């Protein structure tokens, strides 16, 4: 996770640290969004020289569990595919977004806590899987903890 090294120096210096530590794959969050075209060429060349590849990348701002965001989620995912392909990355990290609490008592079964949000998640992930498969990529679901991402209050 390259972002964890941000305070240790430049991205390229941190690539060297990663290689010296014996790693050959990194995860990017959205560092690539700030790279100019010359930066991208230089960084990718340095990664190739160090034999470091991008194992997974994030970059999505929308979550697949949004009751109204399926279309927007898939559209945003499509915009990341060319970047993933350019980086040689085969996995895009997908975030669920915030879980919306409803008025029912918590259950051990996530689907029963908010059936509408569960259903929206399943449908959006099915569509995302089609897009990713067509591009030769895989979606990796990142579990979201309640401390960093407290639930939203449902207005429905």
Protein backbone atom coordinates (compact mmCIF):
# COMPACT_ATOMS: atom_id res chain seq x y z
CA UNK A 1 0.00 0.00 0.00
CA UNK A 2 2.09 2.83 -1.34
CA UNK A 3 0.14 5.53 0.48
CA UNK A 4 1.51 4.24 3.79
CA UNK A 5 4.95 5.46 2.72
CA UNK A 6 3.86 8.99 1.71
CA UNK A 7 5.71 10.62 4.61
CA UNK A 8 8.90 8.69 3.80
CA UNK A 9 9.72 10.43 0.55
CA UNK A 10 8.71 10.68 -3.08
CA UNK A 11 6.72 7.96 -4.77
CA UNK A 12 9.76 6.91 -6.80
CA UNK A 13 12.03 6.77 -3.72
CA UNK A 14 9.39 4.70 -1.98
CA UNK A 15 9.34 2.29 -4.93
CA UNK A 16 13.04 1.75 -4.27
CA UNK A 17 12.29 1.09 -0.59
CA UNK A 18 9.65 -1.45 -1.61
CA UNK A 19 12.10 -3.23 -3.92
CA UNK A 20 14.85 -3.20 -1.27
CA UNK A 21 12.42 -4.77 1.20
CA UNK A 22 11.92 -7.64 -1.26
CA UNK A 23 8.43 -6.83 -2.46
CA UNK A 24 7.57 -7.02 -6.13
CA UNK A 25 3.95 -5.82 -6.07
CA UNK A 26 2.26 -2.70 -4.75
CA UNK A 27 -1.27 -1.45 -4.19
CA UNK A 28 -2.22 2.00 -5.39
CA UNK A 29 -5.09 4.00 -3.99
CA UNK A 30 -5.31 7.02 -6.23
CA UNK A 31 -1.74 8.26 -6.52
CA UNK A 32 -1.99 7.76 -10.28
CA UNK A 33 -4.73 10.39 -10.52
CA UNK A 34 -2.17 13.15 -9.95
CA UNK A 35 0.44 11.89 -12.40
CA UNK A 36 1.05 13.96 -15.51
CA UNK A 37 1.74 12.04 -18.70
CA UNK A 38 5.54 12.45 -18.29
CA UNK A 39 5.24 11.42 -14.60
CA UNK A 40 3.32 8.29 -15.55
CA UNK A 41 5.88 7.27 -18.19
CA UNK A 42 8.77 7.86 -15.80
CA UNK A 43 7.14 6.04 -12.88
CA UNK A 44 6.05 3.06 -14.99
CA UNK A 45 9.57 2.80 -16.43
CA UNK A 46 11.03 2.88 -12.91
CA UNK A 47 8.59 0.20 -11.76
CA UNK A 48 9.57 -1.95 -14.72
CA UNK A 49 13.27 -1.49 -13.95
CA UNK A 50 12.64 -2.49 -10.32
CA UNK A 51 10.41 -5.38 -11.45
CA UNK A 52 7.50 -4.04 -9.42
CA UNK A 53 3.94 -4.49 -10.64
CA UNK A 54 0.62 -3.11 -9.45
CA UNK A 55 -1.25 -5.94 -7.75
CA UNK A 56 -4.41 -3.94 -6.99
CA UNK A 57 -5.67 -0.41 -7.28
CA UNK A 58 -8.42 1.60 -5.71
CA UNK A 59 -9.68 4.89 -7.03
CA UNK A 60 -13.44 4.50 -6.87
CA UNK A 61 -15.23 7.25 -4.97
CA UNK A 62 -18.69 5.68 -5.17
CA UNK A 63 -19.88 2.60 -3.32
CA UNK A 64 -21.81 -0.29 -4.79
CA UNK A 65 -24.28 -0.38 -1.87
CA UNK A 66 -25.82 3.00 -2.68
CA UNK A 67 -29.54 2.55 -3.25
CA UNK A 68 -29.54 5.11 -6.08
CA UNK A 69 -26.00 4.81 -7.39
CA UNK A 70 -25.78 1.62 -9.45
CA UNK A 71 -25.60 3.43 -12.75
CA UNK A 72 -23.10 6.00 -11.47
CA UNK A 73 -20.96 3.28 -9.84
CA UNK A 74 -20.67 1.31 -13.08
CA UNK A 75 -19.92 4.49 -15.05
CA UNK A 76 -17.13 5.41 -12.64
CA UNK A 77 -15.75 1.88 -12.79
CA UNK A 78 -15.60 2.10 -16.57
CA UNK A 79 -13.45 5.24 -16.31
CA UNK A 80 -10.85 3.36 -14.22
CA UNK A 81 -10.43 0.45 -16.61
CA UNK A 82 -8.05 2.17 -19.06
CA UNK A 83 -5.88 3.25 -16.12
CA UNK A 84 -5.82 -0.28 -14.70
CA UNK A 85 -4.83 -1.64 -18.08
CA UNK A 86 -2.10 0.96 -18.51
CA UNK A 87 -0.74 0.13 -15.05
CA UNK A 88 -0.84 -3.59 -15.85
CA UNK A 89 -3.12 -4.02 -12.85
CA UNK A 90 -5.67 -6.83 -12.94
CA UNK A 91 -7.61 -6.05 -9.75
CA UNK A 92 -9.73 -3.01 -8.93
CA UNK A 93 -10.76 -2.56 -5.32
CA UNK A 94 -14.50 -1.92 -4.96
CA UNK A 95 -15.90 -0.18 -1.91
CA UNK A 96 -19.36 -0.84 -0.59
CA UNK A 97 -19.92 2.64 0.76
CA UNK A 98 -21.76 3.27 3.98
CA UNK A 99 -24.29 0.82 5.32
CA UNK A 100 -27.62 2.47 5.86
CA UNK A 101 -29.19 1.59 9.17
CA UNK A 102 -32.88 0.96 9.27
CA UNK A 103 -35.29 0.87 12.15
CA UNK A 104 -35.18 -2.89 12.61
CA UNK A 105 -33.11 -4.57 15.29
CA UNK A 106 -29.65 -5.70 14.13
CA UNK A 107 -29.46 -9.23 12.83
CA UNK A 108 -26.53 -11.58 12.25
CA UNK A 109 -27.62 -11.75 8.60
CA UNK A 110 -26.50 -8.60 6.76
CA UNK A 111 -29.18 -9.06 4.12
CA UNK A 112 -31.91 -8.87 6.77
CA UNK A 113 -30.57 -5.63 8.26
CA UNK A 114 -31.34 -3.68 5.12
CA UNK A 115 -32.81 -5.87 2.36
CA UNK A 116 -33.06 -2.98 -0.12
CA UNK A 117 -29.40 -2.08 0.26
CA UNK A 118 -28.36 -5.73 0.07
CA UNK A 119 -30.35 -6.18 -3.12
CA UNK A 120 -28.90 -2.98 -4.63
CA UNK A 121 -25.39 -4.24 -3.79
CA UNK A 122 -25.96 -7.59 -5.46
CA UNK A 123 -27.40 -6.02 -8.61
CA UNK A 124 -24.65 -3.40 -8.89
CA UNK A 125 -21.93 -6.01 -8.34
CA UNK A 126 -23.43 -8.23 -11.06
CA UNK A 127 -23.20 -5.34 -13.51
CA UNK A 128 -19.69 -4.47 -12.33
CA UNK A 129 -18.63 -8.10 -12.80
CA UNK A 130 -19.77 -8.01 -16.42
CA UNK A 131 -17.79 -4.82 -17.09
CA UNK A 132 -14.69 -6.15 -15.33
CA UNK A 133 -14.84 -9.56 -17.00
CA UNK A 134 -15.12 -7.97 -20.43
CA UNK A 135 -11.93 -6.00 -19.65
CA UNK A 136 -10.09 -9.03 -18.25
CA UNK A 137 -10.10 -7.58 -14.74
CA UNK A 138 -11.27 -8.70 -11.32
CA UNK A 139 -13.12 -6.72 -8.67
CA UNK A 140 -11.94 -7.08 -5.09
CA UNK A 141 -14.42 -6.10 -2.40
CA UNK A 142 -12.89 -4.21 0.50
CA UNK A 143 -14.68 -4.76 3.77
CA UNK A 144 -15.60 -1.50 5.45
CA UNK A 145 -15.38 -1.26 9.19
CA UNK A 146 -17.86 0.72 11.26
CA UNK A 147 -15.17 2.82 13.00
CA UNK A 148 -13.78 4.43 9.84
CA UNK A 149 -17.13 4.44 8.06
CA UNK A 150 -20.03 4.78 10.48
CA UNK A 151 -23.43 3.89 9.02
CA UNK A 152 -25.59 6.51 7.38
CA UNK A 153 -29.03 7.10 8.75
CA UNK A 154 -31.67 5.96 6.29
CA UNK A 155 -34.18 8.56 5.27
CA UNK A 156 -36.36 6.00 3.54
